[in-house]
């Protein structure tokens, strides 16, 4: 009997361990220069992170022609870090009526290949990030199919909440996996609401997750930004700013937990602020991230393979306790 008990205990332990290890923790890297220092390498190791989804370039329209924009450069890549290229495609590109999908796919594939070759990067997946609309979905879906055909690589695509809830209308791309973008849920405004994460809004969408016909991974927000408002109208977003940074500026008067009034004209963060401009910091707390994972786990039929945090920067990662990202896997 004692041997049977020990065997059952071991099986339960192995089952729990497998459950945790089945999900991989990753990060989005959303800068134009890839540079990871020694402290960041330590962070990756402590949190068992060996994969980055790196924005390689955007595709935009210029003179009516799709072109790459703001391409990534690499300084160094940590050993054993798997890189997955992400290409952000503006909806205007796939809205173009006479878009040559085959030619665009070839240009994108070639450009990704050039970046990989120059930096000795080997990939097994390409991810496309595009908030397609009803009028652009056919071109976007055809672009997915053409890139798959040309590369034979695994393909993934970002999926917005509205594309999950109304998938019968918005369609489902022919990718191997989707990534549910679980952030940017509200309207950017001067009020006290958080446009990055609003649980009340999120819960209206995720009750249909169990019907979505595509394997989904999850992207969660750990970023912050400053909403710069003038005359009650948002005029700028400044990424990777925290309240601690604003607290040290004498010309900024704190008027509540995350909002500040500009007392005198000043230049900060590469931006000019006028008197009476309103500044708001939006971010997500550790408790909110855990809340997101809990809500998602209750509504998904299948665990994700990957939880991807947006985005990798010390301003973001230093805001959470050591090994926070590793611990989050246990909540799913």
C-alpha atoms as a PDB file:
ATOM      1  CA  UNK A   1       0.000   0.000   0.000  1.00  0.00           C
ATOM      2  CA  UNK A   2       2.845   2.395   0.855  1.00  0.00           C
ATOM      3  CA  UNK A   3       4.460   1.753  -2.550  1.00  0.00           C
ATOM      4  CA  UNK A   4       1.165   2.450  -4.324  1.00  0.00           C
ATOM      5  CA  UNK A   5       0.773   5.720  -2.396  1.00  0.00           C
ATOM      6  CA  UNK A   6       4.289   6.831  -3.316  1.00  0.00           C
ATOM      7  CA  UNK A   7       3.664   5.954  -6.954  1.00  0.00           C
ATOM      8  CA  UNK A   8       0.443   7.975  -7.024  1.00  0.00           C
ATOM      9  CA  UNK A   9       2.193  10.940  -5.391  1.00  0.00           C
ATOM     10  CA  UNK A  10       4.934  10.785  -8.010  1.00  0.00           C
ATOM     11  CA  UNK A  11       2.422  10.630 -10.842  1.00  0.00           C
ATOM     12  CA  UNK A  12       0.528  13.639  -9.496  1.00  0.00           C
ATOM     13  CA  UNK A  13       3.791  15.571  -9.133  1.00  0.00           C
ATOM     14  CA  UNK A  14       4.853  14.755 -12.677  1.00  0.00           C
ATOM     15  CA  UNK A  15       1.413  15.674 -13.991  1.00  0.00           C
ATOM     16  CA  UNK A  16       1.511  19.077 -12.270  1.00  0.00           C
ATOM     17  CA  UNK A  17       5.052  19.723 -13.439  1.00  0.00           C
ATOM     18  CA  UNK A  18       4.080  18.889 -17.001  1.00  0.00           C
ATOM     19  CA  UNK A  19       1.103  21.220 -16.775  1.00  0.00           C
ATOM     20  CA  UNK A  20       3.366  24.131 -15.800  1.00  0.00           C
ATOM     21  CA  UNK A  21       6.081  23.326 -18.307  1.00  0.00           C
ATOM     22  CA  UNK A  22       3.668  22.867 -21.197  1.00  0.00           C
ATOM     23  CA  UNK A  23       3.287  26.660 -21.415  1.00  0.00           C
ATOM     24  CA  UNK A  24       6.227  28.739 -22.550  1.00  0.00           C
ATOM     25  CA  UNK A  25       6.864  32.314 -21.428  1.00  0.00           C
ATOM     26  CA  UNK A  26       8.003  34.733 -24.130  1.00  0.00           C
ATOM     27  CA  UNK A  27       8.282  38.450 -24.782  1.00  0.00           C
ATOM     28  CA  UNK A  28       7.588  40.801 -27.623  1.00  0.00           C
ATOM     29  CA  UNK A  29      10.534  43.009 -28.525  1.00  0.00           C
ATOM     30  CA  UNK A  30       9.187  46.217 -30.068  1.00  0.00           C
ATOM     31  CA  UNK A  31      12.135  48.524 -30.693  1.00  0.00           C
ATOM     32  CA  UNK A  32      14.143  49.321 -33.798  1.00  0.00           C
ATOM     33  CA  UNK A  33      17.429  48.160 -32.253  1.00  0.00           C
ATOM     34  CA  UNK A  34      17.863  44.760 -30.598  1.00  0.00           C
ATOM     35  CA  UNK A  35      20.266  45.130 -27.696  1.00  0.00           C
ATOM     36  CA  UNK A  36      20.124  42.955 -24.564  1.00  0.00           C
ATOM     37  CA  UNK A  37      22.621  43.702 -21.790  1.00  0.00           C
ATOM     38  CA  UNK A  38      24.008  41.388 -19.081  1.00  0.00           C
ATOM     39  CA  UNK A  39      21.296  42.194 -16.531  1.00  0.00           C
ATOM     40  CA  UNK A  40      18.606  41.466 -19.102  1.00  0.00           C
ATOM     41  CA  UNK A  41      20.245  38.160 -19.989  1.00  0.00           C
ATOM     42  CA  UNK A  42      20.108  37.283 -16.271  1.00  0.00           C
ATOM     43  CA  UNK A  43      16.428  38.203 -16.225  1.00  0.00           C
ATOM     44  CA  UNK A  44      15.712  35.919 -19.177  1.00  0.00           C
ATOM     45  CA  UNK A  45      17.530  33.036 -17.505  1.00  0.00           C
ATOM     46  CA  UNK A  46      15.809  33.541 -14.133  1.00  0.00           C
ATOM     47  CA  UNK A  47      12.398  33.467 -15.765  1.00  0.00           C
ATOM     48  CA  UNK A  48      13.151  30.561 -18.147  1.00  0.00           C
ATOM     49  CA  UNK A  49      12.551  32.739 -21.210  1.00  0.00           C
ATOM     50  CA  UNK A  50      14.215  31.453 -24.364  1.00  0.00           C
ATOM     51  CA  UNK A  51      12.029  32.964 -27.055  1.00  0.00           C
ATOM     52  CA  UNK A  52      11.423  36.506 -28.325  1.00  0.00           C
ATOM     53  CA  UNK A  53       8.874  37.705 -30.862  1.00  0.00           C
ATOM     54  CA  UNK A  54      10.842  40.508 -32.512  1.00  0.00           C
ATOM     55  CA  UNK A  55       9.231  43.201 -34.654  1.00  0.00           C
ATOM     56  CA  UNK A  56      11.375  43.077 -37.796  1.00  0.00           C
ATOM     57  CA  UNK A  57       9.684  45.900 -39.710  1.00  0.00           C
ATOM     58  CA  UNK A  58       6.361  47.516 -40.535  1.00  0.00           C
ATOM     59  CA  UNK A  59       4.688  47.450 -43.927  1.00  0.00           C
ATOM     60  CA  UNK A  60       3.115  50.799 -44.830  1.00  0.00           C
ATOM     61  CA  UNK A  61       1.872  52.571 -47.940  1.00  0.00           C
ATOM     62  CA  UNK A  62       4.031  55.306 -49.441  1.00  0.00           C
ATOM     63  CA  UNK A  63       2.859  56.827 -52.672  1.00  0.00           C
ATOM     64  CA  UNK A  64       0.363  53.985 -52.905  1.00  0.00           C
ATOM     65  CA  UNK A  65       3.153  51.371 -52.812  1.00  0.00           C
ATOM     66  CA  UNK A  66       3.699  48.914 -49.909  1.00  0.00           C
ATOM     67  CA  UNK A  67       7.164  49.426 -48.446  1.00  0.00           C
ATOM     68  CA  UNK A  68       9.046  48.221 -45.333  1.00  0.00           C
ATOM     69  CA  UNK A  69       9.492  50.814 -42.609  1.00  0.00           C
ATOM     70  CA  UNK A  70      11.519  51.110 -39.362  1.00  0.00           C
ATOM     71  CA  UNK A  71      13.447  47.874 -39.821  1.00  0.00           C
ATOM     72  CA  UNK A  72      15.175  46.222 -36.842  1.00  0.00           C
ATOM     73  CA  UNK A  73      18.930  46.229 -36.356  1.00  0.00           C
ATOM     74  CA  UNK A  74      20.710  43.730 -34.111  1.00  0.00           C
ATOM     75  CA  UNK A  75      23.686  44.478 -31.848  1.00  0.00           C
ATOM     76  CA  UNK A  76      23.886  41.031 -30.250  1.00  0.00           C
ATOM     77  CA  UNK A  77      21.647  38.050 -29.559  1.00  0.00           C
ATOM     78  CA  UNK A  78      21.950  35.970 -26.357  1.00  0.00           C
ATOM     79  CA  UNK A  79      22.899  32.348 -26.846  1.00  0.00           C
ATOM     80  CA  UNK A  80      19.988  29.909 -27.072  1.00  0.00           C
ATOM     81  CA  UNK A  81      17.423  32.677 -27.613  1.00  0.00           C
ATOM     82  CA  UNK A  82      14.937  31.710 -30.330  1.00  0.00           C
ATOM     83  CA  UNK A  83      13.894  34.635 -32.506  1.00  0.00           C
ATOM     84  CA  UNK A  84      10.509  34.775 -34.216  1.00  0.00           C
ATOM     85  CA  UNK A  85      10.107  37.629 -36.716  1.00  0.00           C
ATOM     86  CA  UNK A  86       6.948  39.729 -36.423  1.00  0.00           C
ATOM     87  CA  UNK A  87       5.872  41.970 -39.276  1.00  0.00           C
ATOM     88  CA  UNK A  88       3.350  44.694 -38.517  1.00  0.00           C
ATOM     89  CA  UNK A  89       1.126  45.384 -41.536  1.00  0.00           C
ATOM     90  CA  UNK A  90      -0.945  48.546 -41.533  1.00  0.00           C
ATOM     91  CA  UNK A  91      -4.535  47.896 -42.542  1.00  0.00           C
ATOM     92  CA  UNK A  92      -4.184  50.467 -45.329  1.00  0.00           C
ATOM     93  CA  UNK A  93      -1.843  48.054 -47.114  1.00  0.00           C
ATOM     94  CA  UNK A  94      -4.304  45.179 -47.323  1.00  0.00           C
ATOM     95  CA  UNK A  95      -7.120  47.627 -48.108  1.00  0.00           C
ATOM     96  CA  UNK A  96      -5.347  48.586 -51.349  1.00  0.00           C
ATOM     97  CA  UNK A  97      -7.782  47.456 -54.123  1.00  0.00           C
ATOM     98  CA  UNK A  98      -5.176  46.328 -56.642  1.00  0.00           C
ATOM     99  CA  UNK A  99      -2.714  44.853 -54.151  1.00  0.00           C
ATOM    100  CA  UNK A 100      -0.366  42.304 -55.717  1.00  0.00           C
ATOM    101  CA  UNK A 101      -0.419  39.795 -52.857  1.00  0.00           C
ATOM    102  CA  UNK A 102       2.101  37.411 -54.389  1.00  0.00           C
ATOM    103  CA  UNK A 103       4.628  40.186 -54.995  1.00  0.00           C
ATOM    104  CA  UNK A 104       4.175  41.640 -51.505  1.00  0.00           C
ATOM    105  CA  UNK A 105       4.618  38.204 -49.911  1.00  0.00           C
ATOM    106  CA  UNK A 106       7.811  37.663 -51.893  1.00  0.00           C
ATOM    107  CA  UNK A 107       9.195  41.057 -50.866  1.00  0.00           C
ATOM    108  CA  UNK A 108       8.402  40.419 -47.197  1.00  0.00           C
ATOM    109  CA  UNK A 109       9.925  36.941 -47.249  1.00  0.00           C
ATOM    110  CA  UNK A 110      13.074  38.224 -48.968  1.00  0.00           C
ATOM    111  CA  UNK A 111      13.474  41.089 -46.508  1.00  0.00           C
ATOM    112  CA  UNK A 112      13.053  38.778 -43.515  1.00  0.00           C
ATOM    113  CA  UNK A 113      15.656  36.497 -45.098  1.00  0.00           C
ATOM    114  CA  UNK A 114      18.093  39.371 -45.546  1.00  0.00           C
ATOM    115  CA  UNK A 115      17.789  40.368 -41.879  1.00  0.00           C
ATOM    116  CA  UNK A 116      18.244  36.759 -40.792  1.00  0.00           C
ATOM    117  CA  UNK A 117      21.259  36.215 -43.020  1.00  0.00           C
ATOM    118  CA  UNK A 118      22.970  39.421 -41.896  1.00  0.00           C
ATOM    119  CA  UNK A 119      22.560  38.454 -38.239  1.00  0.00           C
ATOM    120  CA  UNK A 120      23.011  34.652 -38.488  1.00  0.00           C
ATOM    121  CA  UNK A 121      19.456  34.005 -37.289  1.00  0.00           C
ATOM    122  CA  UNK A 122      17.640  30.759 -37.958  1.00  0.00           C
ATOM    123  CA  UNK A 123      13.837  30.835 -37.692  1.00  0.00           C
ATOM    124  CA  UNK A 124      11.002  28.320 -37.750  1.00  0.00           C
ATOM    125  CA  UNK A 125       8.044  30.725 -37.607  1.00  0.00           C
ATOM    126  CA  UNK A 126       6.831  34.045 -38.998  1.00  0.00           C
ATOM    127  CA  UNK A 127       4.149  36.090 -37.264  1.00  0.00           C
ATOM    128  CA  UNK A 128       1.982  38.727 -38.948  1.00  0.00           C
ATOM    129  CA  UNK A 129       0.423  41.533 -36.928  1.00  0.00           C
ATOM    130  CA  UNK A 130      -2.493  43.182 -38.697  1.00  0.00           C
ATOM    131  CA  UNK A 131      -5.820  44.470 -37.412  1.00  0.00           C
ATOM    132  CA  UNK A 132      -7.641  43.484 -40.580  1.00  0.00           C
ATOM    133  CA  UNK A 133     -11.163  44.684 -41.283  1.00  0.00           C
ATOM    134  CA  UNK A 134     -14.108  43.250 -43.181  1.00  0.00           C
ATOM    135  CA  UNK A 135     -12.913  45.067 -46.292  1.00  0.00           C
ATOM    136  CA  UNK A 136      -9.297  43.938 -46.017  1.00  0.00           C
ATOM    137  CA  UNK A 137      -9.577  40.394 -44.703  1.00  0.00           C
ATOM    138  CA  UNK A 138      -9.474  38.720 -48.131  1.00  0.00           C
ATOM    139  CA  UNK A 139      -6.163  40.348 -49.025  1.00  0.00           C
ATOM    140  CA  UNK A 140      -4.707  39.658 -45.591  1.00  0.00           C
ATOM    141  CA  UNK A 141      -5.770  36.014 -45.617  1.00  0.00           C
ATOM    142  CA  UNK A 142      -4.373  35.608 -49.137  1.00  0.00           C
ATOM    143  CA  UNK A 143      -1.090  37.148 -47.935  1.00  0.00           C
ATOM    144  CA  UNK A 144      -0.916  34.588 -45.106  1.00  0.00           C
ATOM    145  CA  UNK A 145      -1.474  31.755 -47.589  1.00  0.00           C
ATOM    146  CA  UNK A 146       1.153  33.068 -49.985  1.00  0.00           C
ATOM    147  CA  UNK A 147       3.839  33.461 -47.281  1.00  0.00           C
ATOM    148  CA  UNK A 148       3.101  29.938 -46.057  1.00  0.00           C
ATOM    149  CA  UNK A 149       3.443  28.670 -49.607  1.00  0.00           C
ATOM    150  CA  UNK A 150       6.729  30.467 -50.191  1.00  0.00           C
ATOM    151  CA  UNK A 151       8.429  29.633 -46.879  1.00  0.00           C
ATOM    152  CA  UNK A 152       6.903  26.344 -45.658  1.00  0.00           C
ATOM    153  CA  UNK A 153       7.373  27.803 -42.169  1.00  0.00           C
ATOM    154  CA  UNK A 154       4.985  27.820 -39.241  1.00  0.00           C
ATOM    155  CA  UNK A 155       2.709  30.868 -39.441  1.00  0.00           C
ATOM    156  CA  UNK A 156       1.000  32.752 -36.649  1.00  0.00           C
ATOM    157  CA  UNK A 157      -1.091  35.927 -36.577  1.00  0.00           C
ATOM    158  CA  UNK A 158      -2.283  38.339 -33.945  1.00  0.00           C
ATOM    159  CA  UNK A 159      -6.000  38.202 -33.172  1.00  0.00           C
ATOM    160  CA  UNK A 160      -7.990  41.047 -31.585  1.00  0.00           C
ATOM    161  CA  UNK A 161     -10.852  40.567 -29.165  1.00  0.00           C
ATOM    162  CA  UNK A 162     -13.492  41.691 -31.667  1.00  0.00           C
ATOM    163  CA  UNK A 163     -12.103  39.189 -34.212  1.00  0.00           C
ATOM    164  CA  UNK A 164     -12.684  36.403 -31.685  1.00  0.00           C
ATOM    165  CA  UNK A 165     -16.199  37.430 -30.719  1.00  0.00           C
ATOM    166  CA  UNK A 166     -17.387  37.971 -34.300  1.00  0.00           C
ATOM    167  CA  UNK A 167     -15.220  35.424 -36.083  1.00  0.00           C
ATOM    168  CA  UNK A 168     -18.081  34.224 -38.298  1.00  0.00           C
ATOM    169  CA  UNK A 169     -18.066  37.702 -39.866  1.00  0.00           C
ATOM    170  CA  UNK A 170     -14.417  38.788 -39.519  1.00  0.00           C
ATOM    171  CA  UNK A 171     -13.061  35.410 -40.619  1.00  0.00           C
ATOM    172  CA  UNK A 172     -10.183  33.283 -39.365  1.00  0.00           C
ATOM    173  CA  UNK A 173      -6.739  33.376 -41.019  1.00  0.00           C
ATOM    174  CA  UNK A 174      -5.219  30.109 -42.213  1.00  0.00           C
ATOM    175  CA  UNK A 175      -2.371  30.130 -39.695  1.00  0.00           C
ATOM    176  CA  UNK A 176      -1.034  27.419 -37.408  1.00  0.00           C
ATOM    177  CA  UNK A 177      -1.702  29.482 -34.279  1.00  0.00           C
ATOM    178  CA  UNK A 178      -3.248  32.799 -33.344  1.00  0.00           C
ATOM    179  CA  UNK A 179      -2.140  35.164 -30.598  1.00  0.00           C
ATOM    180  CA  UNK A 180      -4.955  36.848 -28.699  1.00  0.00           C
ATOM    181  CA  UNK A 181      -3.928  40.446 -28.014  1.00  0.00           C
ATOM    182  CA  UNK A 182      -5.373  40.922 -24.543  1.00  0.00           C
ATOM    183  CA  UNK A 183      -4.825  44.662 -24.259  1.00  0.00           C
ATOM    184  CA  UNK A 184      -5.709  48.033 -25.831  1.00  0.00           C
ATOM    185  CA  UNK A 185      -9.329  47.526 -24.860  1.00  0.00           C
ATOM    186  CA  UNK A 186     -10.602  51.067 -24.543  1.00  0.00           C
ATOM    187  CA  UNK A 187     -10.518  54.529 -26.038  1.00  0.00           C
ATOM    188  CA  UNK A 188      -7.450  56.628 -25.255  1.00  0.00           C
ATOM    189  CA  UNK A 189      -8.768  59.678 -23.413  1.00  0.00           C
ATOM    190  CA  UNK A 190      -8.024  62.240 -20.698  1.00  0.00           C
ATOM    191  CA  UNK A 191     -10.311  60.612 -18.117  1.00  0.00           C
ATOM    192  CA  UNK A 192      -9.243  58.182 -15.406  1.00  0.00           C
ATOM    193  CA  UNK A 193     -10.121  55.030 -17.357  1.00  0.00           C
ATOM    194  CA  UNK A 194      -7.350  52.642 -18.451  1.00  0.00           C
ATOM    195  CA  UNK A 195      -7.372  52.014 -22.207  1.00  0.00           C
ATOM    196  CA  UNK A 196      -4.772  49.243 -21.880  1.00  0.00           C
ATOM    197  CA  UNK A 197      -6.896  46.950 -19.708  1.00  0.00           C
ATOM    198  CA  UNK A 198     -10.545  47.119 -18.716  1.00  0.00           C
ATOM    199  CA  UNK A 199     -11.847  43.904 -17.208  1.00  0.00           C
ATOM    200  CA  UNK A 200     -15.470  44.869 -17.752  1.00  0.00           C
ATOM    201  CA  UNK A 201     -14.818  45.264 -21.473  1.00  0.00           C
ATOM    202  CA  UNK A 202     -12.710  42.098 -21.695  1.00  0.00           C
ATOM    203  CA  UNK A 203     -15.362  39.887 -20.110  1.00  0.00           C
ATOM    204  CA  UNK A 204     -17.827  40.870 -22.827  1.00  0.00           C
ATOM    205  CA  UNK A 205     -15.573  39.268 -25.424  1.00  0.00           C
ATOM    206  CA  UNK A 206     -13.911  36.217 -23.899  1.00  0.00           C
ATOM    207  CA  UNK A 207     -17.096  34.255 -23.251  1.00  0.00           C
ATOM    208  CA  UNK A 208     -16.873  33.159 -26.889  1.00  0.00           C
ATOM    209  CA  UNK A 209     -13.273  31.942 -26.671  1.00  0.00           C
ATOM    210  CA  UNK A 210     -14.389  28.337 -26.336  1.00  0.00           C
ATOM    211  CA  UNK A 211     -15.967  28.538 -29.817  1.00  0.00           C
ATOM    212  CA  UNK A 212     -13.038  30.108 -31.648  1.00  0.00           C
ATOM    213  CA  UNK A 213     -11.821  27.561 -34.253  1.00  0.00           C
ATOM    214  CA  UNK A 214      -8.093  28.342 -34.021  1.00  0.00           C
ATOM    215  CA  UNK A 215      -5.450  27.385 -31.490  1.00  0.00           C
ATOM    216  CA  UNK A 216      -4.688  30.538 -29.486  1.00  0.00           C
ATOM    217  CA  UNK A 217      -1.701  31.731 -27.533  1.00  0.00           C
ATOM    218  CA  UNK A 218      -2.021  34.772 -25.277  1.00  0.00           C
ATOM    219  CA  UNK A 219      -0.319  38.174 -25.340  1.00  0.00           C
ATOM    220  CA  UNK A 220      -0.548  40.100 -22.062  1.00  0.00           C
ATOM    221  CA  UNK A 221       0.353  43.727 -21.261  1.00  0.00           C
ATOM    222  CA  UNK A 222       3.137  44.656 -18.848  1.00  0.00           C
ATOM    223  CA  UNK A 223       3.857  47.997 -20.500  1.00  0.00           C
ATOM    224  CA  UNK A 224       3.030  51.584 -19.613  1.00  0.00           C
ATOM    225  CA  UNK A 225       2.596  54.791 -21.537  1.00  0.00           C
ATOM    226  CA  UNK A 226       1.926  58.454 -20.966  1.00  0.00           C
ATOM    227  CA  UNK A 227      -1.217  59.904 -22.522  1.00  0.00           C
ATOM    228  CA  UNK A 228      -0.534  63.555 -23.327  1.00  0.00           C
ATOM    229  CA  UNK A 229      -3.756  65.585 -23.524  1.00  0.00           C
ATOM    230  CA  UNK A 230      -4.329  69.187 -24.512  1.00  0.00           C
ATOM    231  CA  UNK A 231      -7.746  70.881 -24.356  1.00  0.00           C
ATOM    232  CA  UNK A 232      -9.296  67.512 -23.464  1.00  0.00           C
ATOM    233  CA  UNK A 233      -7.909  65.907 -26.630  1.00  0.00           C
ATOM    234  CA  UNK A 234      -5.151  63.243 -26.591  1.00  0.00           C
ATOM    235  CA  UNK A 235      -2.333  64.454 -28.840  1.00  0.00           C
ATOM    236  CA  UNK A 236       0.502  62.041 -28.080  1.00  0.00           C
ATOM    237  CA  UNK A 237       1.458  58.704 -26.543  1.00  0.00           C
ATOM    238  CA  UNK A 238       4.895  58.281 -24.979  1.00  0.00           C
ATOM    239  CA  UNK A 239       5.877  54.673 -24.289  1.00  0.00           C
ATOM    240  CA  UNK A 240       7.680  53.276 -21.249  1.00  0.00           C
ATOM    241  CA  UNK A 241       6.942  56.095 -18.810  1.00  0.00           C
ATOM    242  CA  UNK A 242       5.999  55.382 -15.187  1.00  0.00           C
ATOM    243  CA  UNK A 243       4.518  57.557 -12.438  1.00  0.00           C
ATOM    244  CA  UNK A 244       7.830  57.445 -10.547  1.00  0.00           C
ATOM    245  CA  UNK A 245       9.426  59.412 -13.371  1.00  0.00           C
ATOM    246  CA  UNK A 246       6.763  62.124 -13.297  1.00  0.00           C
ATOM    247  CA  UNK A 247       6.863  62.414  -9.501  1.00  0.00           C
ATOM    248  CA  UNK A 248      10.369  63.897  -9.683  1.00  0.00           C
ATOM    249  CA  UNK A 249       9.423  66.715 -12.099  1.00  0.00           C
ATOM    250  CA  UNK A 250       8.505  69.914 -10.268  1.00  0.00           C
ATOM    251  CA  UNK A 251       6.499  71.331 -13.187  1.00  0.00           C
ATOM    252  CA  UNK A 252       4.117  68.349 -13.052  1.00  0.00           C
ATOM    253  CA  UNK A 253       1.487  68.470 -10.292  1.00  0.00           C
ATOM    254  CA  UNK A 254      -0.063  65.146  -9.311  1.00  0.00           C
ATOM    255  CA  UNK A 255      -3.847  65.485  -9.219  1.00  0.00           C
ATOM    256  CA  UNK A 256      -4.763  61.840  -8.570  1.00  0.00           C
ATOM    257  CA  UNK A 257      -3.140  58.388  -8.629  1.00  0.00           C
ATOM    258  CA  UNK A 258      -2.063  58.481 -12.254  1.00  0.00           C
ATOM    259  CA  UNK A 259      -2.799  61.976 -13.603  1.00  0.00           C
ATOM    260  CA  UNK A 260      -0.679  65.122 -13.617  1.00  0.00           C
ATOM    261  CA  UNK A 261      -1.220  68.775 -14.517  1.00  0.00           C
ATOM    262  CA  UNK A 262       1.554  70.706 -16.264  1.00  0.00           C
ATOM    263  CA  UNK A 263       2.166  73.893 -14.230  1.00  0.00           C
ATOM    264  CA  UNK A 264       4.698  75.561 -16.540  1.00  0.00           C
ATOM    265  CA  UNK A 265       5.888  74.895 -20.108  1.00  0.00           C
ATOM    266  CA  UNK A 266       8.684  72.332 -20.209  1.00  0.00           C
ATOM    267  CA  UNK A 267      10.355  69.773 -22.474  1.00  0.00           C
ATOM    268  CA  UNK A 268      10.660  66.166 -21.268  1.00  0.00           C
ATOM    269  CA  UNK A 269      10.955  62.766 -22.931  1.00  0.00           C
ATOM    270  CA  UNK A 270      11.582  64.475 -26.270  1.00  0.00           C
ATOM    271  CA  UNK A 271       8.211  66.245 -26.067  1.00  0.00           C
ATOM    272  CA  UNK A 272       7.160  69.835 -25.396  1.00  0.00           C
ATOM    273  CA  UNK A 273       4.433  70.271 -22.773  1.00  0.00           C
ATOM    274  CA  UNK A 274       2.365  73.441 -22.474  1.00  0.00           C
ATOM    275  CA  UNK A 275       0.910  74.894 -19.287  1.00  0.00           C
ATOM    276  CA  UNK A 276      -2.365  73.147 -18.303  1.00  0.00           C
ATOM    277  CA  UNK A 277      -1.655  70.070 -20.440  1.00  0.00           C
ATOM    278  CA  UNK A 278      -2.941  66.929 -18.725  1.00  0.00           C
ATOM    279  CA  UNK A 279      -0.782  63.826 -18.437  1.00  0.00           C
ATOM    280  CA  UNK A 280      -2.029  60.352 -17.583  1.00  0.00           C
ATOM    281  CA  UNK A 281       0.005  57.207 -16.938  1.00  0.00           C
ATOM    282  CA  UNK A 282      -1.648  53.947 -17.966  1.00  0.00           C
ATOM    283  CA  UNK A 283      -0.205  50.581 -16.954  1.00  0.00           C
ATOM    284  CA  UNK A 284      -1.158  47.176 -15.569  1.00  0.00           C
ATOM    285  CA  UNK A 285      -0.389  45.876 -12.090  1.00  0.00           C
ATOM    286  CA  UNK A 286       0.828  42.383 -11.194  1.00  0.00           C
ATOM    287  CA  UNK A 287      -2.598  41.682  -9.698  1.00  0.00           C
ATOM    288  CA  UNK A 288      -4.311  42.661 -12.932  1.00  0.00           C
ATOM    289  CA  UNK A 289      -2.043  40.414 -15.000  1.00  0.00           C
ATOM    290  CA  UNK A 290      -2.882  37.527 -12.702  1.00  0.00           C
ATOM    291  CA  UNK A 291      -6.568  38.425 -12.999  1.00  0.00           C
ATOM    292  CA  UNK A 292      -6.308  38.309 -16.805  1.00  0.00           C
ATOM    293  CA  UNK A 293      -4.751  34.854 -16.728  1.00  0.00           C
ATOM    294  CA  UNK A 294      -7.418  33.608 -14.328  1.00  0.00           C
ATOM    295  CA  UNK A 295     -10.271  34.916 -16.501  1.00  0.00           C
ATOM    296  CA  UNK A 296      -8.741  33.515 -19.678  1.00  0.00           C
ATOM    297  CA  UNK A 297      -8.100  30.093 -18.164  1.00  0.00           C
ATOM    298  CA  UNK A 298     -11.785  29.831 -17.250  1.00  0.00           C
ATOM    299  CA  UNK A 299     -12.911  30.600 -20.796  1.00  0.00           C
ATOM    300  CA  UNK A 300     -10.425  28.698 -22.963  1.00  0.00           C
ATOM    301  CA  UNK A 301     -11.031  25.073 -23.897  1.00  0.00           C
ATOM    302  CA  UNK A 302      -7.341  24.495 -24.454  1.00  0.00           C
ATOM    303  CA  UNK A 303      -4.272  25.873 -22.706  1.00  0.00           C
ATOM    304  CA  UNK A 304      -2.055  28.155 -24.772  1.00  0.00           C
ATOM    305  CA  UNK A 305       1.376  26.946 -25.798  1.00  0.00           C
ATOM    306  CA  UNK A 306       2.798  30.388 -25.210  1.00  0.00           C
ATOM    307  CA  UNK A 307       2.139  33.402 -22.993  1.00  0.00           C
ATOM    308  CA  UNK A 308       3.795  36.426 -24.578  1.00  0.00           C
ATOM    309  CA  UNK A 309       4.306  39.578 -22.548  1.00  0.00           C
ATOM    310  CA  UNK A 310       4.378  42.974 -24.241  1.00  0.00           C
ATOM    311  CA  UNK A 311       6.989  44.319 -24.225  1.00  0.00           C
ATOM    312  CA  UNK A 312      10.601  43.624 -23.261  1.00  0.00           C
ATOM    313  CA  UNK A 313      12.187  46.664 -21.635  1.00  0.00           C
ATOM    314  CA  UNK A 314      13.643  47.347 -18.173  1.00  0.00           C
ATOM    315  CA  UNK A 315      11.035  50.043 -17.554  1.00  0.00           C
ATOM    316  CA  UNK A 316       8.463  47.265 -17.798  1.00  0.00           C
ATOM    317  CA  UNK A 317      10.196  44.213 -16.355  1.00  0.00           C
ATOM    318  CA  UNK A 318      11.625  46.090 -13.346  1.00  0.00           C
ATOM    319  CA  UNK A 319       8.090  46.978 -12.327  1.00  0.00           C
ATOM    320  CA  UNK A 320       7.388  43.355 -11.371  1.00  0.00           C
ATOM    321  CA  UNK A 321       8.977  41.203  -8.713  1.00  0.00           C
ATOM    322  CA  UNK A 322      11.781  38.772  -9.502  1.00  0.00           C
ATOM    323  CA  UNK A 323      10.587  35.652 -11.355  1.00  0.00           C
ATOM    324  CA  UNK A 324       7.061  37.111 -11.619  1.00  0.00           C
ATOM    325  CA  UNK A 325       6.764  35.998 -15.243  1.00  0.00           C
ATOM    326  CA  UNK A 326       7.853  32.469 -14.390  1.00  0.00           C
ATOM    327  CA  UNK A 327       5.319  32.278 -11.573  1.00  0.00           C
ATOM    328  CA  UNK A 328       2.479  33.408 -13.800  1.00  0.00           C
ATOM    329  CA  UNK A 329       2.466  30.039 -15.554  1.00  0.00           C
ATOM    330  CA  UNK A 330       1.136  28.447 -12.391  1.00  0.00           C
ATOM    331  CA  UNK A 331      -2.036  30.550 -12.636  1.00  0.00           C
ATOM    332  CA  UNK A 332      -3.148  28.919 -15.882  1.00  0.00           C
END
